[in-house]
Structures are given as C-alpha cells and as structure tokens.
Amino acid sequence: MPGSWSPSNLPFLTEDNHSIESPRKNRYNCLSWAAGSKRKWWSPIKPYFWPPEAPREATIEAFVRAFETLGYAVCADGSLELGIEKLAIFARTDPAGNLVATHAARQLPNGRWTSKLGPLEDIEHLRPEDVNGPTYGAPLRYMSRVK
C-alpha cells in the first residue's frame, strides 16, 4: 500500500525497504516521535513545544541540544549497538545555501529505523538514508543513549 507522500519528495522509499506503521496523524511529528512522544508537535518554531535549553532555530546544533536534554549524545554512526538507542538528524540546504535541520529518525531494537513523516504516516524503514530526498535532505548527525 503506498503512503500519502509524494514519491518525488521521498524518492528512495520503495516497497521493499519500508512499511507503513500508522495512519496519518497531525498530533505529533518526526521530532516528537524520535523523542518518544506522541503527545505534542516539537518544533523550534513557536508556538510548538521545544526544550527550553535548546535554541529556537532549525540548525543541526539546536536539534542536537534538544535531544541532549533527553540524554542523547553525538556518536559516530547509526550502526546497531546492543542496549543503545540511536537517532539520525537530517538536514538539507535551503535555496539561500543555508543548512537547515529538517527531520529525525529513531533506530529500533531490530536495527531498522522509524520515522514520522510530518503530519503523514509513521513508517519503519531499513536505513536512515531511505528517507533521503528534497524534503529531508540526508542524515548528517547521529546521537545515542543507553536504553
């Protein structure tokens, strides 16, 4: 079953590398989903929730700081490690040439990844790079914490 996203926005998602895990929901987004919450939309843009310790800006550094408030620390990569939960933070270059943080995906205990696609579906995908494309860019930073 195809998702409700445009294939041109997520060109690397195929029938073989992902599954849809929930219907569309507008209550939470990728950042809150990666943080383990389905209760509120996370965004550095007001009026949405954002950890007060993190700058309200769409930068990789601000996203890193937001997840540090949950016990995550920057790590080398997204390889599976027993007892460790990992995140991938995505960014893309905007038309002005600025790097903009756009998305976060969380690694599952089986090594696959889970993403909430904005107000669209939650998906499970094989690798972080499966959601690369014009919407999210690519994973540029990984973070980890002990479960």
N, C-alpha and C. Protein backbone atom coordinates (compact mmCIF):
# COMPACT_ATOMS: atom_id res chain seq x y z
N MET A 1 0.84 -1.18 0.00
CA MET A 1 0.00 0.00 0.00
C MET A 1 0.88 1.25 0.00
N PRO A 2 0.68 2.15 -0.95
CA PRO A 2 1.50 3.36 -0.98
C PRO A 2 1.09 4.34 0.12
N GLY A 3 2.05 5.15 0.53
CA GLY A 3 1.78 6.16 1.52
C GLY A 3 1.17 7.40 0.90
N SER A 4 0.85 8.38 1.73
CA SER A 4 0.21 9.59 1.22
C SER A 4 1.21 10.68 0.85
N TRP A 5 2.50 10.36 0.86
CA TRP A 5 3.52 11.33 0.48
C TRP A 5 3.76 11.26 -1.02
N SER A 6 4.34 12.32 -1.54
CA SER A 6 4.71 12.36 -2.95
C SER A 6 6.00 11.57 -3.15
N PRO A 7 6.03 10.62 -4.07
CA PRO A 7 7.25 9.85 -4.31
C PRO A 7 8.44 10.74 -4.69
N SER A 8 8.19 11.89 -5.29
CA SER A 8 9.30 12.77 -5.64
C SER A 8 9.96 13.39 -4.41
N ASN A 9 9.21 13.49 -3.29
CA ASN A 9 9.79 14.03 -2.05
C ASN A 9 10.60 13.00 -1.29
N LEU A 10 10.26 11.74 -1.43
CA LEU A 10 10.96 10.65 -0.75
C LEU A 10 11.31 9.58 -1.80
N PRO A 11 12.21 9.91 -2.73
CA PRO A 11 12.45 9.04 -3.89
C PRO A 11 13.12 7.71 -3.58
N PHE A 12 13.71 7.54 -2.40
CA PHE A 12 14.40 6.30 -2.09
C PHE A 12 13.54 5.29 -1.32
N LEU A 13 12.31 5.68 -0.97
CA LEU A 13 11.41 4.72 -0.35
C LEU A 13 10.85 3.80 -1.43
N THR A 14 10.99 2.51 -1.21
CA THR A 14 10.47 1.51 -2.15
C THR A 14 9.57 0.54 -1.39
N GLU A 15 8.86 -0.26 -2.12
CA GLU A 15 8.02 -1.28 -1.48
C GLU A 15 8.85 -2.24 -0.63
N ASP A 16 10.12 -2.40 -0.99
CA ASP A 16 10.98 -3.37 -0.31
C ASP A 16 11.69 -2.83 0.93
N ASN A 17 11.76 -1.51 1.11
CA ASN A 17 12.56 -1.01 2.23
C ASN A 17 11.78 -0.29 3.32
N HIS A 18 10.45 -0.29 3.23
CA HIS A 18 9.69 0.35 4.31
C HIS A 18 8.32 -0.29 4.46
N SER A 19 7.72 -0.03 5.61
CA SER A 19 6.33 -0.42 5.84
C SER A 19 5.64 0.72 6.58
N ILE A 20 4.37 0.90 6.30
CA ILE A 20 3.58 1.92 6.98
C ILE A 20 3.09 1.33 8.29
N GLU A 21 3.33 2.04 9.39
CA GLU A 21 3.02 1.52 10.72
C GLU A 21 1.84 2.21 11.40
N SER A 22 1.38 3.33 10.85
CA SER A 22 0.22 4.02 11.42
C SER A 22 -0.44 4.87 10.35
N PRO A 23 -1.70 5.20 10.55
CA PRO A 23 -2.35 6.13 9.62
C PRO A 23 -1.85 7.55 9.86
N ARG A 24 -2.22 8.44 8.95
CA ARG A 24 -1.86 9.85 9.08
C ARG A 24 -2.37 10.40 10.42
N LYS A 25 -1.53 11.21 11.06
CA LYS A 25 -1.90 11.87 12.31
C LYS A 25 -1.24 13.23 12.34
N ASN A 26 -1.95 14.23 12.78
CA ASN A 26 -1.42 15.58 12.82
C ASN A 26 -1.01 16.00 14.23
N ARG A 27 -1.12 15.12 15.21
CA ARG A 27 -0.88 15.45 16.61
C ARG A 27 0.61 15.54 16.96
N TYR A 28 1.44 14.80 16.29
CA TYR A 28 2.87 14.79 16.59
C TYR A 28 3.65 14.71 15.29
N ASN A 29 4.96 14.99 15.36
CA ASN A 29 5.79 14.99 14.16
C ASN A 29 7.03 14.13 14.38
N CYS A 30 7.96 14.20 13.44
CA CYS A 30 9.16 13.35 13.48
C CYS A 30 10.01 13.62 14.71
N LEU A 31 10.11 14.88 15.12
CA LEU A 31 10.96 15.19 16.27
C LEU A 31 10.37 14.64 17.55
N SER A 32 9.06 14.81 17.75
CA SER A 32 8.45 14.25 18.95
C SER A 32 8.47 12.72 18.90
N TRP A 33 8.24 12.15 17.71
CA TRP A 33 8.28 10.69 17.55
C TRP A 33 9.67 10.16 17.89
N ALA A 34 10.71 10.82 17.38
CA ALA A 34 12.08 10.39 17.70
C ALA A 34 12.37 10.53 19.19
N ALA A 35 11.75 11.53 19.82
CA ALA A 35 11.94 11.75 21.26
C ALA A 35 11.11 10.79 22.10
N GLY A 36 10.26 10.01 21.47
CA GLY A 36 9.45 9.03 22.19
C GLY A 36 8.11 9.55 22.66
N SER A 37 7.61 10.62 22.06
CA SER A 37 6.35 11.22 22.47
C SER A 37 5.37 11.28 21.30
N LYS A 38 4.10 11.00 21.60
CA LYS A 38 3.05 11.16 20.60
C LYS A 38 2.03 12.20 21.08
N ARG A 39 2.44 13.04 22.02
CA ARG A 39 1.50 13.96 22.65
C ARG A 39 1.55 15.39 22.11
N LYS A 40 2.69 15.81 21.57
CA LYS A 40 2.78 17.19 21.10
C LYS A 40 3.77 17.31 19.95
N TRP A 41 3.54 18.30 19.15
CA TRP A 41 4.37 18.61 17.99
C TRP A 41 5.61 19.35 18.48
N TRP A 42 6.80 18.85 18.16
CA TRP A 42 8.05 19.51 18.51
C TRP A 42 8.52 20.35 17.33
N SER A 43 8.91 21.57 17.59
CA SER A 43 9.48 22.42 16.55
C SER A 43 10.13 23.62 17.20
N PRO A 44 11.26 24.08 16.63
CA PRO A 44 11.85 25.30 17.16
C PRO A 44 11.02 26.54 16.81
N ILE A 45 10.05 26.38 15.93
CA ILE A 45 9.17 27.49 15.55
C ILE A 45 8.04 27.61 16.56
N LYS A 46 7.87 28.79 17.14
CA LYS A 46 6.78 28.99 18.09
C LYS A 46 5.45 28.87 17.36
N PRO A 47 4.42 28.39 17.97
CA PRO A 47 4.17 28.16 19.38
C PRO A 47 4.39 26.72 19.80
N TYR A 48 5.06 25.91 18.99
CA TYR A 48 5.19 24.49 19.29
C TYR A 48 6.14 24.24 20.45
N PHE A 49 6.06 23.01 21.00
CA PHE A 49 6.95 22.64 22.10
C PHE A 49 8.38 22.57 21.59
N TRP A 50 9.31 23.06 22.40
CA TRP A 50 10.74 22.93 22.15
C TRP A 50 11.43 22.97 23.49
N PRO A 51 12.38 22.07 23.76
CA PRO A 51 13.06 22.11 25.05
C PRO A 51 13.66 23.50 25.31
N PRO A 52 13.40 24.09 26.46
CA PRO A 52 13.87 25.45 26.72
C PRO A 52 15.39 25.60 26.67
N GLU A 53 16.12 24.51 26.86
CA GLU A 53 17.58 24.57 26.83
C GLU A 53 18.15 24.64 25.42
N ALA A 54 17.32 24.40 24.42
CA ALA A 54 17.79 24.37 23.03
C ALA A 54 17.42 25.67 22.32
N PRO A 55 18.31 26.20 21.49
CA PRO A 55 17.97 27.41 20.73
C PRO A 55 16.78 27.15 19.81
N ARG A 56 15.94 28.13 19.67
CA ARG A 56 14.77 28.01 18.77
C ARG A 56 15.20 28.37 17.36
N GLU A 57 15.91 27.42 16.73
CA GLU A 57 16.36 27.59 15.36
C GLU A 57 16.48 26.22 14.70
N ALA A 58 16.31 26.19 13.40
CA ALA A 58 16.34 24.92 12.66
C ALA A 58 17.76 24.62 12.21
N THR A 59 18.65 24.46 13.19
CA THR A 59 20.04 24.10 12.91
C THR A 59 20.32 22.71 13.49
N ILE A 60 21.34 22.08 12.95
CA ILE A 60 21.74 20.78 13.50
C ILE A 60 22.11 20.95 14.97
N GLU A 61 22.83 22.02 15.30
CA GLU A 61 23.25 22.24 16.68
C GLU A 61 22.05 22.37 17.62
N ALA A 62 20.99 23.06 17.19
CA ALA A 62 19.79 23.21 18.02
C ALA A 62 19.08 21.87 18.19
N PHE A 63 19.01 21.07 17.12
CA PHE A 63 18.39 19.76 17.23
C PHE A 63 19.21 18.86 18.15
N VAL A 64 20.53 18.92 18.02
CA VAL A 64 21.40 18.14 18.92
C VAL A 64 21.14 18.55 20.36
N ARG A 65 21.09 19.83 20.63
CA ARG A 65 20.86 20.31 22.00
C ARG A 65 19.50 19.84 22.52
N ALA A 66 18.48 19.88 21.67
CA ALA A 66 17.15 19.42 22.09
C ALA A 66 17.19 17.96 22.51
N PHE A 67 17.87 17.11 21.76
CA PHE A 67 17.94 15.69 22.10
C PHE A 67 18.91 15.42 23.25
N GLU A 68 19.89 16.28 23.44
CA GLU A 68 20.76 16.15 24.62
C GLU A 68 19.95 16.28 25.90
N THR A 69 18.88 17.06 25.87
CA THR A 69 18.04 17.21 27.07
C THR A 69 17.37 15.89 27.45
N LEU A 70 17.35 14.94 26.52
CA LEU A 70 16.76 13.62 26.77
C LEU A 70 17.82 12.56 27.05
N GLY A 71 19.08 12.97 27.18
CA GLY A 71 20.15 12.03 27.49
C GLY A 71 20.92 11.51 26.30
N TYR A 72 20.64 12.00 25.12
CA TYR A 72 21.39 11.59 23.93
C TYR A 72 22.71 12.36 23.85
N ALA A 73 23.69 11.75 23.21
CA ALA A 73 24.98 12.40 22.93
C ALA A 73 25.36 12.08 21.49
N VAL A 74 26.09 12.96 20.87
CA VAL A 74 26.54 12.74 19.50
C VAL A 74 27.40 11.48 19.46
N CYS A 75 27.21 10.67 18.43
CA CYS A 75 28.01 9.45 18.25
C CYS A 75 28.45 9.36 16.79
N ALA A 76 29.24 8.36 16.48
CA ALA A 76 29.89 8.26 15.17
C ALA A 76 28.95 7.88 14.04
N ASP A 77 28.00 6.98 14.29
CA ASP A 77 27.20 6.47 13.19
C ASP A 77 25.93 5.82 13.70
N GLY A 78 25.15 5.28 12.76
CA GLY A 78 23.89 4.66 13.11
C GLY A 78 23.94 3.15 13.17
N SER A 79 25.12 2.59 13.38
CA SER A 79 25.21 1.13 13.46
C SER A 79 24.51 0.63 14.73
N LEU A 80 23.93 -0.55 14.64
CA LEU A 80 23.21 -1.13 15.76
C LEU A 80 24.17 -1.53 16.87
N GLU A 81 23.85 -1.12 18.09
CA GLU A 81 24.62 -1.50 19.27
C GLU A 81 23.64 -1.97 20.33
N LEU A 82 23.89 -3.13 20.89
CA LEU A 82 23.02 -3.70 21.90
C LEU A 82 22.89 -2.75 23.10
N GLY A 83 21.67 -2.48 23.51
CA GLY A 83 21.41 -1.64 24.68
C GLY A 83 21.53 -0.15 24.43
N ILE A 84 21.72 0.24 23.17
CA ILE A 84 21.88 1.66 22.82
C ILE A 84 20.76 2.05 21.85
N GLU A 85 20.13 3.18 22.14
CA GLU A 85 19.11 3.73 21.24
C GLU A 85 19.75 4.87 20.46
N LYS A 86 19.51 4.90 19.15
CA LYS A 86 20.15 5.92 18.31
C LYS A 86 19.12 6.74 17.54
N LEU A 87 19.56 7.94 17.20
CA LEU A 87 18.80 8.87 16.37
C LEU A 87 19.66 9.30 15.21
N ALA A 88 19.00 9.65 14.12
CA ALA A 88 19.66 10.30 12.99
C ALA A 88 19.00 11.65 12.81
N ILE A 89 19.80 12.71 12.72
CA ILE A 89 19.29 14.05 12.47
C ILE A 89 19.61 14.40 11.02
N PHE A 90 18.59 14.83 10.30
CA PHE A 90 18.68 15.12 8.88
C PHE A 90 18.75 16.63 8.64
N ALA A 91 19.37 16.99 7.54
CA ALA A 91 19.40 18.40 7.13
C ALA A 91 19.50 18.47 5.61
N ARG A 92 19.08 19.61 5.10
CA ARG A 92 19.18 19.90 3.67
C ARG A 92 19.61 21.35 3.50
N THR A 93 20.05 21.68 2.33
CA THR A 93 20.44 23.06 2.03
C THR A 93 19.23 23.78 1.45
N ASP A 94 18.92 24.96 2.01
CA ASP A 94 17.79 25.74 1.51
C ASP A 94 18.22 26.54 0.27
N PRO A 95 17.28 27.21 -0.40
CA PRO A 95 17.63 27.95 -1.62
C PRO A 95 18.69 29.04 -1.41
N ALA A 96 18.82 29.55 -0.18
CA ALA A 96 19.83 30.58 0.10
C ALA A 96 21.19 29.98 0.40
N GLY A 97 21.28 28.64 0.40
CA GLY A 97 22.55 27.98 0.68
C GLY A 97 22.80 27.67 2.14
N ASN A 98 21.79 27.86 2.99
CA ASN A 98 21.93 27.57 4.43
C ASN A 98 21.58 26.12 4.71
N LEU A 99 22.28 25.50 5.64
CA LEU A 99 21.98 24.15 6.07
C LEU A 99 20.85 24.22 7.09
N VAL A 100 19.75 23.53 6.82
CA VAL A 100 18.56 23.57 7.66
C VAL A 100 18.28 22.17 8.18
N ALA A 101 18.16 22.02 9.50
CA ALA A 101 17.78 20.74 10.09
C ALA A 101 16.30 20.50 9.80
N THR A 102 15.96 19.27 9.43
CA THR A 102 14.62 19.00 8.90
C THR A 102 13.89 17.82 9.52
N HIS A 103 14.61 16.82 10.04
CA HIS A 103 13.97 15.55 10.36
C HIS A 103 14.82 14.79 11.37
N ALA A 104 14.17 13.90 12.10
CA ALA A 104 14.89 12.95 12.96
C ALA A 104 14.22 11.59 12.84
N ALA A 105 15.02 10.56 12.81
CA ALA A 105 14.55 9.18 12.78
C ALA A 105 15.18 8.45 13.95
N ARG A 106 14.47 7.46 14.48
CA ARG A 106 14.94 6.70 15.65
C ARG A 106 15.18 5.25 15.25
N GLN A 107 16.27 4.70 15.73
CA GLN A 107 16.58 3.29 15.46
C GLN A 107 15.78 2.41 16.40
N LEU A 108 15.25 1.33 15.86
CA LEU A 108 14.50 0.36 16.64
C LEU A 108 15.44 -0.74 17.13
N PRO A 109 15.04 -1.51 18.14
CA PRO A 109 15.93 -2.58 18.66
C PRO A 109 16.34 -3.61 17.62
N ASN A 110 15.54 -3.77 16.54
CA ASN A 110 15.88 -4.74 15.50
C ASN A 110 16.85 -4.17 14.46
N GLY A 111 17.28 -2.91 14.64
CA GLY A 111 18.22 -2.29 13.71
C GLY A 111 17.56 -1.47 12.62
N ARG A 112 16.25 -1.67 12.43
CA ARG A 112 15.52 -0.84 11.46
C ARG A 112 15.31 0.54 12.06
N TRP A 113 14.74 1.44 11.29
CA TRP A 113 14.52 2.82 11.72
C TRP A 113 13.05 3.16 11.63
N THR A 114 12.61 4.12 12.43
CA THR A 114 11.24 4.58 12.40
C THR A 114 11.23 6.09 12.20
N SER A 115 10.33 6.54 11.34
CA SER A 115 10.17 7.96 11.05
C SER A 115 8.70 8.31 11.04
N LYS A 116 8.40 9.48 11.53
CA LYS A 116 7.07 10.08 11.37
C LYS A 116 7.24 11.10 10.26
N LEU A 117 6.46 11.00 9.23
CA LEU A 117 6.62 11.85 8.06
C LEU A 117 5.72 13.09 8.20
N GLY A 118 6.16 14.03 9.04
CA GLY A 118 5.38 15.25 9.28
C GLY A 118 3.99 14.88 9.78
N PRO A 119 2.92 15.39 9.14
CA PRO A 119 1.57 15.03 9.55
C PRO A 119 1.08 13.73 8.92
N LEU A 120 1.97 13.08 8.19
CA LEU A 120 1.59 11.86 7.47
C LEU A 120 1.83 10.62 8.34
N GLU A 121 2.06 9.49 7.72
CA GLU A 121 2.18 8.22 8.42
C GLU A 121 3.50 8.08 9.19
N ASP A 122 3.49 7.15 10.14
CA ASP A 122 4.73 6.65 10.75
C ASP A 122 5.15 5.49 9.85
N ILE A 123 6.44 5.40 9.58
CA ILE A 123 6.93 4.28 8.79
C ILE A 123 8.10 3.62 9.50
N GLU A 124 8.32 2.38 9.17
CA GLU A 124 9.54 1.67 9.57
C GLU A 124 10.33 1.48 8.28
N HIS A 125 11.64 1.79 8.33
CA HIS A 125 12.46 1.67 7.13
C HIS A 125 13.80 1.02 7.47
N LEU A 126 14.45 0.46 6.46
CA LEU A 126 15.67 -0.30 6.70
C LEU A 126 16.84 0.56 7.17
N ARG A 127 17.06 1.69 6.51
CA ARG A 127 18.23 2.53 6.80
C ARG A 127 17.78 3.98 6.90
N PRO A 128 18.52 4.82 7.61
CA PRO A 128 18.16 6.24 7.64
C PRO A 128 18.07 6.83 6.24
N GLU A 129 18.97 6.45 5.36
CA GLU A 129 19.05 7.01 4.01
C GLU A 129 17.82 6.73 3.15
N ASP A 130 16.96 5.83 3.59
CA ASP A 130 15.76 5.53 2.82
C ASP A 130 14.82 6.73 2.73
N VAL A 131 14.93 7.68 3.65
CA VAL A 131 14.07 8.88 3.58
C VAL A 131 14.84 10.10 3.07
N ASN A 132 16.03 9.88 2.50
CA ASN A 132 16.76 10.98 1.85
C ASN A 132 15.92 11.57 0.73
N GLY A 133 16.16 12.82 0.44
CA GLY A 133 15.48 13.44 -0.69
C GLY A 133 15.29 14.92 -0.46
N PRO A 134 14.55 15.57 -1.35
CA PRO A 134 14.40 17.02 -1.26
C PRO A 134 13.67 17.50 -0.01
N THR A 135 12.83 16.68 0.57
CA THR A 135 12.10 17.11 1.77
C THR A 135 13.02 17.14 2.99
N TYR A 136 13.75 16.08 3.25
CA TYR A 136 14.55 15.96 4.47
C TYR A 136 16.04 16.11 4.27
N GLY A 137 16.52 16.00 3.05
CA GLY A 137 17.96 16.03 2.83
C GLY A 137 18.53 14.67 3.15
N ALA A 138 19.50 14.65 4.07
CA ALA A 138 20.20 13.40 4.41
C ALA A 138 20.60 13.43 5.88
N PRO A 139 20.84 12.25 6.48
CA PRO A 139 21.29 12.23 7.88
C PRO A 139 22.72 12.77 7.97
N LEU A 140 22.88 13.78 8.81
CA LEU A 140 24.21 14.40 8.96
C LEU A 140 24.76 14.25 10.37
N ARG A 141 23.95 13.85 11.31
CA ARG A 141 24.44 13.67 12.69
C ARG A 141 23.71 12.51 13.32
N TYR A 142 24.45 11.72 14.08
CA TYR A 142 23.86 10.60 14.82
C TYR A 142 24.04 10.86 16.30
N MET A 143 23.06 10.38 17.07
CA MET A 143 23.12 10.53 18.53
C MET A 143 22.74 9.20 19.14
N SER A 144 23.19 8.96 20.38
CA SER A 144 22.88 7.71 21.05
C SER A 144 22.69 7.93 22.55
N ARG A 145 21.98 7.00 23.17
CA ARG A 145 21.83 6.97 24.62
C ARG A 145 21.62 5.53 25.05
N VAL A 146 21.99 5.27 26.28
CA VAL A 146 21.76 3.94 26.85
C VAL A 146 20.26 3.80 27.11
N LYS A 147 19.70 2.67 26.74
CA LYS A 147 18.27 2.44 26.95
C LYS A 147 17.97 2.24 28.41
